[in-house]
C-alpha atoms as a PDB file:
ATOM      1  CA  MET A   1       0.000   0.000   0.000  1.00  0.00           C
ATOM      2  CA  LYS A   2       1.361   3.402  -0.967  1.00  0.00           C
ATOM      3  CA  ARG A   3       2.217   5.828   1.814  1.00  0.00           C
ATOM      4  CA  VAL A   4       0.748   9.220   0.927  1.00  0.00           C
ATOM      5  CA  ARG A   5       1.653  12.560   2.428  1.00  0.00           C
ATOM      6  CA  LEU A   6      -1.889  13.918   2.769  1.00  0.00           C
ATOM      7  CA  GLN A   7      -2.529  17.609   2.162  1.00  0.00           C
ATOM      8  CA  ALA A   8      -2.908  19.421   5.476  1.00  0.00           C
ATOM      9  CA  HIS A   9      -3.492  23.038   4.429  1.00  0.00           C
ATOM     10  CA  ALA A  10      -5.943  22.822   1.529  1.00  0.00           C
ATOM     11  CA  GLY A  11      -8.851  25.162   2.182  1.00  0.00           C
ATOM     12  CA  ALA A  12      -6.588  27.444   4.220  1.00  0.00           C
ATOM     13  CA  PHE A  13      -3.444  28.430   2.324  1.00  0.00           C
ATOM     14  CA  TYR A  14      -4.885  27.381  -1.022  1.00  0.00           C
ATOM     15  CA  PRO A  15      -8.293  26.204  -2.279  1.00  0.00           C
ATOM     16  CA  ASN A  16      -9.488  22.613  -1.910  1.00  0.00           C
ATOM     17  CA  SER A  17     -10.732  22.702  -5.481  1.00  0.00           C
ATOM     18  CA  ALA A  18      -8.443  22.139  -8.469  1.00  0.00           C
ATOM     19  CA  ASP A  19     -10.787  24.342 -10.527  1.00  0.00           C
ATOM     20  CA  GLU A  20     -10.410  27.222  -8.065  1.00  0.00           C
ATOM     21  CA  ILE A  21      -6.619  26.916  -8.080  1.00  0.00           C
ATOM     22  CA  ARG A  22      -6.628  26.774 -11.870  1.00  0.00           C
ATOM     23  CA  GLY A  23      -8.737  29.931 -11.939  1.00  0.00           C
ATOM     24  CA  LEU A  24      -6.268  31.745  -9.676  1.00  0.00           C
ATOM     25  CA  ILE A  25      -3.299  30.677 -11.814  1.00  0.00           C
ATOM     26  CA  GLU A  26      -5.054  31.778 -15.001  1.00  0.00           C
ATOM     27  CA  HIS A  27      -5.801  35.128 -13.354  1.00  0.00           C
ATOM     28  CA  PHE A  28      -2.142  35.533 -12.315  1.00  0.00           C
ATOM     29  CA  ASN A  29      -0.959  34.660 -15.806  1.00  0.00           C
ATOM     30  CA  LYS A  30      -3.325  37.105 -17.461  1.00  0.00           C
ATOM     31  CA  ILE A  31      -1.841  39.891 -15.357  1.00  0.00           C
ATOM     32  CA  LEU A  32       1.719  38.670 -15.885  1.00  0.00           C
ATOM     33  CA  ASP A  33       1.373  38.307 -19.647  1.00  0.00           C
ATOM     34  CA  GLY A  34      -0.076  41.797 -19.861  1.00  0.00           C
ATOM     35  CA  ALA A  35       2.831  43.263 -17.908  1.00  0.00           C
ATOM     36  CA  ILE A  36       5.967  41.638 -19.352  1.00  0.00           C
ATOM     37  CA  LYS A  37       7.264  39.494 -22.176  1.00  0.00           C
ATOM     38  CA  LEU A  38       7.973  36.048 -20.749  1.00  0.00           C
ATOM     39  CA  ASN A  39      11.108  35.694 -22.864  1.00  0.00           C
ATOM     40  CA  ASP A  40      12.561  38.640 -20.954  1.00  0.00           C
ATOM     41  CA  ILE A  41      12.673  36.640 -17.718  1.00  0.00           C
ATOM     42  CA  LEU A  42      13.355  33.120 -18.988  1.00  0.00           C
ATOM     43  CA  CYS A  43      16.701  31.537 -18.164  1.00  0.00           C
ATOM     44  CA  ASN A  44      18.259  28.158 -17.478  1.00  0.00           C
ATOM     45  CA  ALA A  45      17.545  28.025 -13.751  1.00  0.00           C
ATOM     46  CA  PRO A  46      18.247  24.995 -11.554  1.00  0.00           C
ATOM     47  CA  ALA A  47      17.139  26.791  -8.375  1.00  0.00           C
ATOM     48  CA  PHE A  48      14.522  29.276  -7.205  1.00  0.00           C
ATOM     49  CA  ILE A  49      13.342  31.152  -4.148  1.00  0.00           C
ATOM     50  CA  VAL A  50       9.545  31.096  -3.790  1.00  0.00           C
ATOM     51  CA  PRO A  51       7.132  32.432  -1.131  1.00  0.00           C
ATOM     52  CA  HIS A  52       4.739  30.266   0.864  1.00  0.00           C
ATOM     53  CA  ALA A  53       1.814  32.330   2.109  1.00  0.00           C
ATOM     54  CA  GLY A  54      -1.790  31.914   1.056  1.00  0.00           C
ATOM     55  CA  TYR A  55      -2.203  32.015  -2.708  1.00  0.00           C
ATOM     56  CA  ILE A  56      -4.289  35.190  -2.551  1.00  0.00           C
ATOM     57  CA  TYR A  57      -1.303  36.968  -0.993  1.00  0.00           C
ATOM     58  CA  SER A  58       1.857  35.408  -2.432  1.00  0.00           C
ATOM     59  CA  GLY A  59       0.505  33.282  -5.276  1.00  0.00           C
ATOM     60  CA  PHE A  60       1.256  35.834  -7.973  1.00  0.00           C
ATOM     61  CA  SER A  61       4.882  36.134  -6.929  1.00  0.00           C
ATOM     62  CA  ALA A  62       5.310  32.360  -6.715  1.00  0.00           C
ATOM     63  CA  ASN A  63       3.611  31.886 -10.064  1.00  0.00           C
ATOM     64  CA  VAL A  64       6.244  33.996 -11.844  1.00  0.00           C
ATOM     65  CA  ALA A  65       8.877  31.484 -10.748  1.00  0.00           C
ATOM     66  CA  TYR A  66       6.706  28.559 -11.797  1.00  0.00           C
ATOM     67  CA  ARG A  67       6.293  30.008 -15.282  1.00  0.00           C
ATOM     68  CA  ILE A  68      10.067  29.728 -15.627  1.00  0.00           C
ATOM     69  CA  LEU A  69      10.203  26.346 -13.926  1.00  0.00           C
ATOM     70  CA  LYS A  70       7.720  25.033 -16.478  1.00  0.00           C
ATOM     71  CA  THR A  71      10.262  25.610 -19.255  1.00  0.00           C
ATOM     72  CA  GLN A  72      13.067  23.683 -17.524  1.00  0.00           C
ATOM     73  CA  ASP A  73      14.114  20.203 -18.678  1.00  0.00           C
ATOM     74  CA  ILE A  74      13.779  18.483 -15.305  1.00  0.00           C
ATOM     75  CA  ASP A  75      12.491  15.239 -13.858  1.00  0.00           C
ATOM     76  CA  SER A  76      12.471  16.086 -10.139  1.00  0.00           C
ATOM     77  CA  VAL A  77      12.056  19.080  -7.841  1.00  0.00           C
ATOM     78  CA  VAL A  78      13.376  19.271  -4.280  1.00  0.00           C
ATOM     79  CA  VAL A  79      11.334  21.634  -2.093  1.00  0.00           C
ATOM     80  CA  ILE A  80      13.175  22.955   0.985  1.00  0.00           C
ATOM     81  CA  GLY A  81      11.316  24.949   3.621  1.00  0.00           C
ATOM     82  CA  PRO A  82      11.541  25.992   7.285  1.00  0.00           C
ATOM     83  CA  SER A  83       9.551  24.315  10.039  1.00  0.00           C
ATOM     84  CA  HIS A  84       7.098  26.855  11.478  1.00  0.00           C
ATOM     85  CA  ARG A  85       5.217  24.848  14.098  1.00  0.00           C
ATOM     86  CA  VAL A  86       7.451  21.985  15.255  1.00  0.00           C
ATOM     87  CA  TYR A  87      10.926  22.434  16.723  1.00  0.00           C
ATOM     88  CA  LEU A  88      13.493  20.442  14.787  1.00  0.00           C
ATOM     89  CA  ASP A  89      17.213  19.962  15.193  1.00  0.00           C
ATOM     90  CA  GLY A  90      18.643  19.537  11.719  1.00  0.00           C
ATOM     91  CA  VAL A  91      16.800  18.524   8.557  1.00  0.00           C
ATOM     92  CA  SER A  92      14.056  15.989   7.868  1.00  0.00           C
ATOM     93  CA  ILE A  93      13.387  14.417   4.487  1.00  0.00           C
ATOM     94  CA  SER A  94       9.933  13.099   3.669  1.00  0.00           C
ATOM     95  CA  ASP A  95       9.953   9.333   3.122  1.00  0.00           C
ATOM     96  CA  PHE A  96       6.467   8.856   1.667  1.00  0.00           C
ATOM     97  CA  ASP A  97       5.641   7.383  -1.733  1.00  0.00           C
ATOM     98  CA  GLU A  98       3.284  10.097  -2.972  1.00  0.00           C
ATOM     99  CA  TYR A  99       2.228  13.650  -2.152  1.00  0.00           C
ATOM    100  CA  GLU A 100      -1.459  14.573  -2.316  1.00  0.00           C
ATOM    101  CA  THR A 101      -2.634  17.703  -4.140  1.00  0.00           C
ATOM    102  CA  PRO A 102      -6.055  18.842  -5.438  1.00  0.00           C
ATOM    103  CA  PHE A 103      -4.804  18.077  -8.974  1.00  0.00           C
ATOM    104  CA  GLY A 104      -3.873  14.497  -8.051  1.00  0.00           C
ATOM    105  CA  ASN A 105      -0.906  12.911  -6.354  1.00  0.00           C
ATOM    106  CA  LEU A 106       2.730  13.622  -7.126  1.00  0.00           C
ATOM    107  CA  SER A 107       5.250  10.788  -7.004  1.00  0.00           C
ATOM    108  CA  ILE A 108       8.086  11.236  -4.528  1.00  0.00           C
ATOM    109  CA  ASP A 109      11.580  10.633  -5.905  1.00  0.00           C
ATOM    110  CA  SER A 110      12.614   7.765  -3.646  1.00  0.00           C
ATOM    111  CA  ASP A 111      16.086   7.557  -5.196  1.00  0.00           C
ATOM    112  CA  ILE A 112      16.947  11.126  -4.234  1.00  0.00           C
ATOM    113  CA  VAL A 113      15.430  10.587  -0.779  1.00  0.00           C
ATOM    114  CA  ALA A 114      17.585   7.489  -0.263  1.00  0.00           C
ATOM    115  CA  ASP A 115      20.739   9.179  -1.549  1.00  0.00           C
ATOM    116  CA  ILE A 116      20.377  12.307   0.584  1.00  0.00           C
ATOM    117  CA  SER A 117      19.409  10.295   3.663  1.00  0.00           C
ATOM    118  CA  LYS A 118      22.554   8.171   3.349  1.00  0.00           C
ATOM    119  CA  LEU A 119      25.050  10.800   2.212  1.00  0.00           C
ATOM    120  CA  PHE A 120      24.046  13.457   4.740  1.00  0.00           C
ATOM    121  CA  ASP A 121      22.750  11.245   7.565  1.00  0.00           C
ATOM    122  CA  ILE A 122      19.276  12.765   7.404  1.00  0.00           C
ATOM    123  CA  SER A 123      16.296  11.005   8.928  1.00  0.00           C
ATOM    124  CA  PHE A 124      12.533  11.265   8.504  1.00  0.00           C
ATOM    125  CA  VAL A 125      10.711  13.092  11.307  1.00  0.00           C
ATOM    126  CA  PRO A 126       7.040  12.669  10.307  1.00  0.00           C
ATOM    127  CA  LYS A 127       5.573  15.309  12.645  1.00  0.00           C
ATOM    128  CA  VAL A 128       7.399  18.166  10.891  1.00  0.00           C
ATOM    129  CA  HIS A 129       5.953  17.240   7.507  1.00  0.00           C
ATOM    130  CA  GLN A 130       2.614  18.904   8.103  1.00  0.00           C
ATOM    131  CA  GLU A 131       4.511  22.027   7.090  1.00  0.00           C
ATOM    132  CA  HIS A 132       2.827  24.667   4.923  1.00  0.00           C
ATOM    133  CA  SER A 133       6.047  26.210   3.591  1.00  0.00           C
ATOM    134  CA  THR A 134       6.611  23.108   1.492  1.00  0.00           C
ATOM    135  CA  GLU A 135       3.015  21.993   0.944  1.00  0.00           C
ATOM    136  CA  VAL A 136       1.843  25.158  -0.791  1.00  0.00           C
ATOM    137  CA  GLN A 137       4.370  24.502  -3.558  1.00  0.00           C
ATOM    138  CA  MET A 138       2.995  21.076  -4.456  1.00  0.00           C
ATOM    139  CA  PRO A 139      -0.288  22.038  -6.207  1.00  0.00           C
ATOM    140  CA  LEU A 140       1.640  24.541  -8.327  1.00  0.00           C
ATOM    141  CA  LEU A 141       4.190  21.881  -9.222  1.00  0.00           C
ATOM    142  CA  LYS A 142       1.452  19.441 -10.163  1.00  0.00           C
ATOM    143  CA  TYR A 143      -0.259  22.081 -12.322  1.00  0.00           C
ATOM    144  CA  TYR A 144       2.850  23.154 -14.211  1.00  0.00           C
ATOM    145  CA  LYS A 145       4.770  19.847 -14.242  1.00  0.00           C
ATOM    146  CA  PRO A 146       2.148  17.076 -13.922  1.00  0.00           C
ATOM    147  CA  ASP A 147       4.652  14.210 -14.226  1.00  0.00           C
ATOM    148  CA  ILE A 148       7.384  15.672 -12.050  1.00  0.00           C
ATOM    149  CA  LYS A 149       8.713  13.778  -9.043  1.00  0.00           C
ATOM    150  CA  VAL A 150       9.178  15.678  -5.796  1.00  0.00           C
ATOM    151  CA  VAL A 151      11.216  15.580  -2.617  1.00  0.00           C
ATOM    152  CA  GLU A 152      10.122  17.457   0.508  1.00  0.00           C
ATOM    153  CA  MET A 153      12.764  18.637   2.981  1.00  0.00           C
ATOM    154  CA  VAL A 154      11.999  20.615   6.138  1.00  0.00           C
ATOM    155  CA  TYR A 155      14.704  22.193   8.299  1.00  0.00           C
ATOM    156  CA  GLY A 156      14.846  23.662  11.767  1.00  0.00           C
ATOM    157  CA  ASN A 157      17.931  24.454  13.813  1.00  0.00           C
ATOM    158  CA  VAL A 158      20.641  23.688  11.266  1.00  0.00           C
ATOM    159  CA  SER A 159      23.776  25.434  10.066  1.00  0.00           C
ATOM    160  CA  THR A 160      23.599  27.091   6.677  1.00  0.00           C
ATOM    161  CA  GLU A 161      26.712  25.208   5.574  1.00  0.00           C
ATOM    162  CA  VAL A 162      25.083  21.829   6.230  1.00  0.00           C
ATOM    163  CA  LEU A 163      22.081  22.833   4.145  1.00  0.00           C
ATOM    164  CA  SER A 164      24.290  24.387   1.486  1.00  0.00           C
ATOM    165  CA  LYS A 165      26.230  21.138   1.023  1.00  0.00           C
ATOM    166  CA  ILE A 166      22.940  19.372   0.296  1.00  0.00           C
ATOM    167  CA  ILE A 167      22.072  22.083  -2.232  1.00  0.00           C
ATOM    168  CA  ASP A 168      25.544  21.712  -3.798  1.00  0.00           C
ATOM    169  CA  TYR A 169      24.906  18.005  -4.223  1.00  0.00           C
ATOM    170  CA  LEU A 170      21.523  18.623  -5.831  1.00  0.00           C
ATOM    171  CA  LEU A 171      22.900  21.265  -8.183  1.00  0.00           C
ATOM    172  CA  ASP A 172      25.309  18.660  -9.522  1.00  0.00           C
ATOM    173  CA  LYS A 173      22.475  16.275 -10.376  1.00  0.00           C
ATOM    174  CA  PRO A 174      21.080  16.570 -13.913  1.00  0.00           C
ATOM    175  CA  LYS A 175      17.392  17.338 -14.422  1.00  0.00           C
ATOM    176  CA  VAL A 176      16.804  18.327 -10.798  1.00  0.00           C
ATOM    177  CA  ALA A 177      15.519  21.737  -9.666  1.00  0.00           C
ATOM    178  CA  ILE A 178      15.521  23.209  -6.161  1.00  0.00           C
ATOM    179  CA  LEU A 179      12.869  25.413  -4.557  1.00  0.00           C
ATOM    180  CA  ILE A 180      13.888  27.385  -1.458  1.00  0.00           C
ATOM    181  CA  SER A 181      10.698  28.406   0.319  1.00  0.00           C
ATOM    182  CA  THR A 182      10.574  31.625   2.344  1.00  0.00           C
ATOM    183  CA  ASP A 183       8.532  34.711   3.046  1.00  0.00           C
ATOM    184  CA  LEU A 184      10.228  37.987   3.978  1.00  0.00           C
ATOM    185  CA  SER A 185       9.442  40.395   6.846  1.00  0.00           C
ATOM    186  CA  HIS A 186       6.332  39.858   8.962  1.00  0.00           C
ATOM    187  CA  PHE A 187       3.825  42.359  10.356  1.00  0.00           C
ATOM    188  CA  TYR A 188       5.642  45.670  10.062  1.00  0.00           C
ATOM    189  CA  ASP A 189       4.037  48.717   8.497  1.00  0.00           C
ATOM    190  CA  ILE A 190       4.660  48.851   4.779  1.00  0.00           C
ATOM    191  CA  ASN A 191       7.440  51.440   4.926  1.00  0.00           C
ATOM    192  CA  ARG A 192       9.474  49.470   7.482  1.00  0.00           C
ATOM    193  CA  ALA A 193       8.732  46.225   5.649  1.00  0.00           C
ATOM    194  CA  LYS A 194      10.087  47.585   2.385  1.00  0.00           C
ATOM    195  CA  ILE A 195      13.303  48.679   4.108  1.00  0.00           C
ATOM    196  CA  LEU A 196      13.861  45.261   5.678  1.00  0.00           C
ATOM    197  CA  ASP A 197      12.826  43.398   2.549  1.00  0.00           C
ATOM    198  CA  GLY A 198      15.075  45.648   0.485  1.00  0.00           C
ATOM    199  CA  ILE A 199      18.021  44.331   2.506  1.00  0.00           C
ATOM    200  CA  CYS A 200      16.981  40.762   1.680  1.00  0.00           C
ATOM    201  CA  LEU A 201      16.582  41.499  -2.013  1.00  0.00           C
ATOM    202  CA  GLU A 202      19.866  43.375  -2.326  1.00  0.00           C
ATOM    203  CA  ALA A 203      21.701  40.619  -0.459  1.00  0.00           C
ATOM    204  CA  ILE A 204      20.255  37.958  -2.731  1.00  0.00           C
ATOM    205  CA  TYR A 205      21.002  39.998  -5.855  1.00  0.00           C
ATOM    206  CA  LYS A 206      24.606  40.587  -4.739  1.00  0.00           C
ATOM    207  CA  LEU A 207      24.996  37.101  -3.197  1.00  0.00           C
ATOM    208  CA  ASP A 208      26.126  38.940  -0.068  1.00  0.00           C
ATOM    209  CA  ILE A 209      25.719  36.964   3.156  1.00  0.00           C
ATOM    210  CA  ASN A 210      27.058  39.760   5.345  1.00  0.00           C
ATOM    211  CA  LEU A 211      24.377  42.099   4.036  1.00  0.00           C
ATOM    212  CA  LEU A 212      21.720  39.396   4.459  1.00  0.00           C
ATOM    213  CA  ASN A 213      22.496  39.349   8.172  1.00  0.00           C
ATOM    214  CA  GLN A 214      22.176  43.108   8.573  1.00  0.00           C
ATOM    215  CA  GLY A 215      18.397  43.271   8.777  1.00  0.00           C
ATOM    216  CA  CYS A 216      16.784  40.666   6.533  1.00  0.00           C
ATOM    217  CA  GLU A 217      14.012  38.976   8.532  1.00  0.00           C
ATOM    218  CA  ALA A 218      12.964  36.208   6.153  1.00  0.00           C
ATOM    219  CA  CYS A 219      11.438  33.268   8.020  1.00  0.00           C
ATOM    220  CA  GLY A 220      13.459  30.969   5.752  1.00  0.00           C
ATOM    221  CA  LYS A 221      16.683  32.959   6.035  1.00  0.00           C
ATOM    222  CA  ILE A 222      18.685  29.807   6.763  1.00  0.00           C
ATOM    223  CA  GLY A 223      17.584  28.399   3.423  1.00  0.00           C
ATOM    224  CA  VAL A 224      18.264  31.687   1.649  1.00  0.00           C
ATOM    225  CA  GLU A 225      21.766  31.969   3.105  1.00  0.00           C
ATOM    226  CA  ALA A 226      22.501  28.352   2.188  1.00  0.00           C
ATOM    227  CA  MET A 227      21.286  29.021  -1.354  1.00  0.00           C
ATOM    228  CA  ILE A 228      23.486  32.114  -1.636  1.00  0.00           C
ATOM    229  CA  LYS A 229      26.535  30.081  -0.597  1.00  0.00           C
ATOM    230  CA  SER A 230      25.727  27.390  -3.151  1.00  0.00           C
ATOM    231  CA  ALA A 231      24.945  29.895  -5.888  1.00  0.00           C
ATOM    232  CA  LYS A 232      28.354  31.526  -5.412  1.00  0.00           C
ATOM    233  CA  ARG A 233      30.109  28.171  -5.632  1.00  0.00           C
ATOM    234  CA  ALA A 234      28.120  27.170  -8.715  1.00  0.00           C
ATOM    235  CA  ASN A 235      28.477  30.570 -10.444  1.00  0.00           C
ATOM    236  CA  LEU A 236      24.705  31.029 -10.605  1.00  0.00           C
ATOM    237  CA  VAL A 237      23.322  34.496 -11.274  1.00  0.00           C
ATOM    238  CA  PRO A 238      20.250  35.579  -9.258  1.00  0.00           C
ATOM    239  CA  LYS A 239      17.393  37.251 -11.086  1.00  0.00           C
ATOM    240  CA  ILE A 240      14.752  38.932  -8.905  1.00  0.00           C
ATOM    241  CA  LEU A 241      11.455  38.042 -10.560  1.00  0.00           C
ATOM    242  CA  ASP A 242       8.904  39.730  -8.322  1.00  0.00           C
ATOM    243  CA  TYR A 243       8.489  41.524  -5.013  1.00  0.00           C
ATOM    244  CA  ARG A 244       5.257  42.475  -3.299  1.00  0.00           C
ATOM    245  CA  THR A 245       3.598  42.569   0.102  1.00  0.00           C
ATOM    246  CA  SER A 246       0.307  41.356   1.478  1.00  0.00           C
ATOM    247  CA  ALA A 247      -0.943  44.952   1.180  1.00  0.00           C
ATOM    248  CA  ASP A 248      -1.169  44.475  -2.584  1.00  0.00           C
ATOM    249  CA  SER A 249      -4.026  42.039  -1.920  1.00  0.00           C
ATOM    250  CA  SER A 250      -5.460  43.096   1.425  1.00  0.00           C
ATOM    251  CA  GLY A 251      -5.012  46.862   1.264  1.00  0.00           C
ATOM    252  CA  ASN A 252      -3.818  46.795   4.889  1.00  0.00           C
ATOM    253  CA  LYS A 253      -0.529  48.709   5.055  1.00  0.00           C
ATOM    254  CA  ASP A 254      -0.172  48.602   8.848  1.00  0.00           C
ATOM    255  CA  GLU A 255       0.860  44.955   9.228  1.00  0.00           C
ATOM    256  CA  VAL A 256       2.244  43.447   6.061  1.00  0.00           C
ATOM    257  CA  VAL A 257       4.212  40.370   5.020  1.00  0.00           C
ATOM    258  CA  GLY A 258       6.758  40.552   2.218  1.00  0.00           C
ATOM    259  CA  TYR A 259       7.161  38.079  -0.648  1.00  0.00           C
ATOM    260  CA  THR A 260       9.639  37.562  -3.439  1.00  0.00           C
ATOM    261  CA  SER A 261      10.462  35.072  -6.165  1.00  0.00           C
ATOM    262  CA  VAL A 262      13.973  34.642  -7.511  1.00  0.00           C
ATOM    263  CA  ALA A 263      15.551  32.506 -10.238  1.00  0.00           C
ATOM    264  CA  PHE A 264      19.190  31.424  -9.984  1.00  0.00           C
ATOM    265  CA  CYS A 265      20.334  31.266 -13.576  1.00  0.00           C
ATOM    266  CA  LYS A 266      23.230  29.481 -15.204  1.00  0.00           C
ATOM    267  CA  GLU A 267      23.353  32.345 -17.647  1.00  0.00           C
ATOM    268  CA  ILE A 268      21.376  35.528 -18.221  1.00  0.00           C
END
């Protein structure tokens, strides 16, 4: 019997209905296609940063990255996100067979799971895998890459170098893409949020870890810093795809959350 990682946040962070999700994506793409030429942002990108809030808030920003991901020649995607609700020392890798989404189940790449588990001595801690930072990516992956295999990794208290070595390993594997899941600042007024988020964006753009640690308050900053280290080693070039805050959807500028999507390109 197949072991399925059941969706835990459908109806909260994203709709239960595949039709409703499809409608949101089509709405995002109509806006995107009216604003830019897709060819202007396309690149050969083995890694991305994507946000993980509710689709009505961060879905547009995430969708820009997925439009690029759709064009990549890949067989598997490794989704790496922070644990928000359960304390975790280290990293956990999901050892299920399939991952449930409203569009149907995704197959989990058991070969990558086995390799990473062995090479980096990573275990499976089931209780941390009710995590929304990784789950919200899965319906989008199933929509844009229906036959893709996935790997879900959740981290807690871990050094950025440990996580970066895993990313290095994945970057060396052909036909594998990496998604680093993070939101930016949380619950500042919009002016303060844009200052703090600007530090994050500039640090990512410059691949500058020192700057990242001078005010960036991304909830997945460990993953971002690890990705910056790996991008520098792999000579990847970051391309900021989108930045926005929750105020763009809610209108509330007093307590906002920031979101960005970034592609790490082999060439521009």
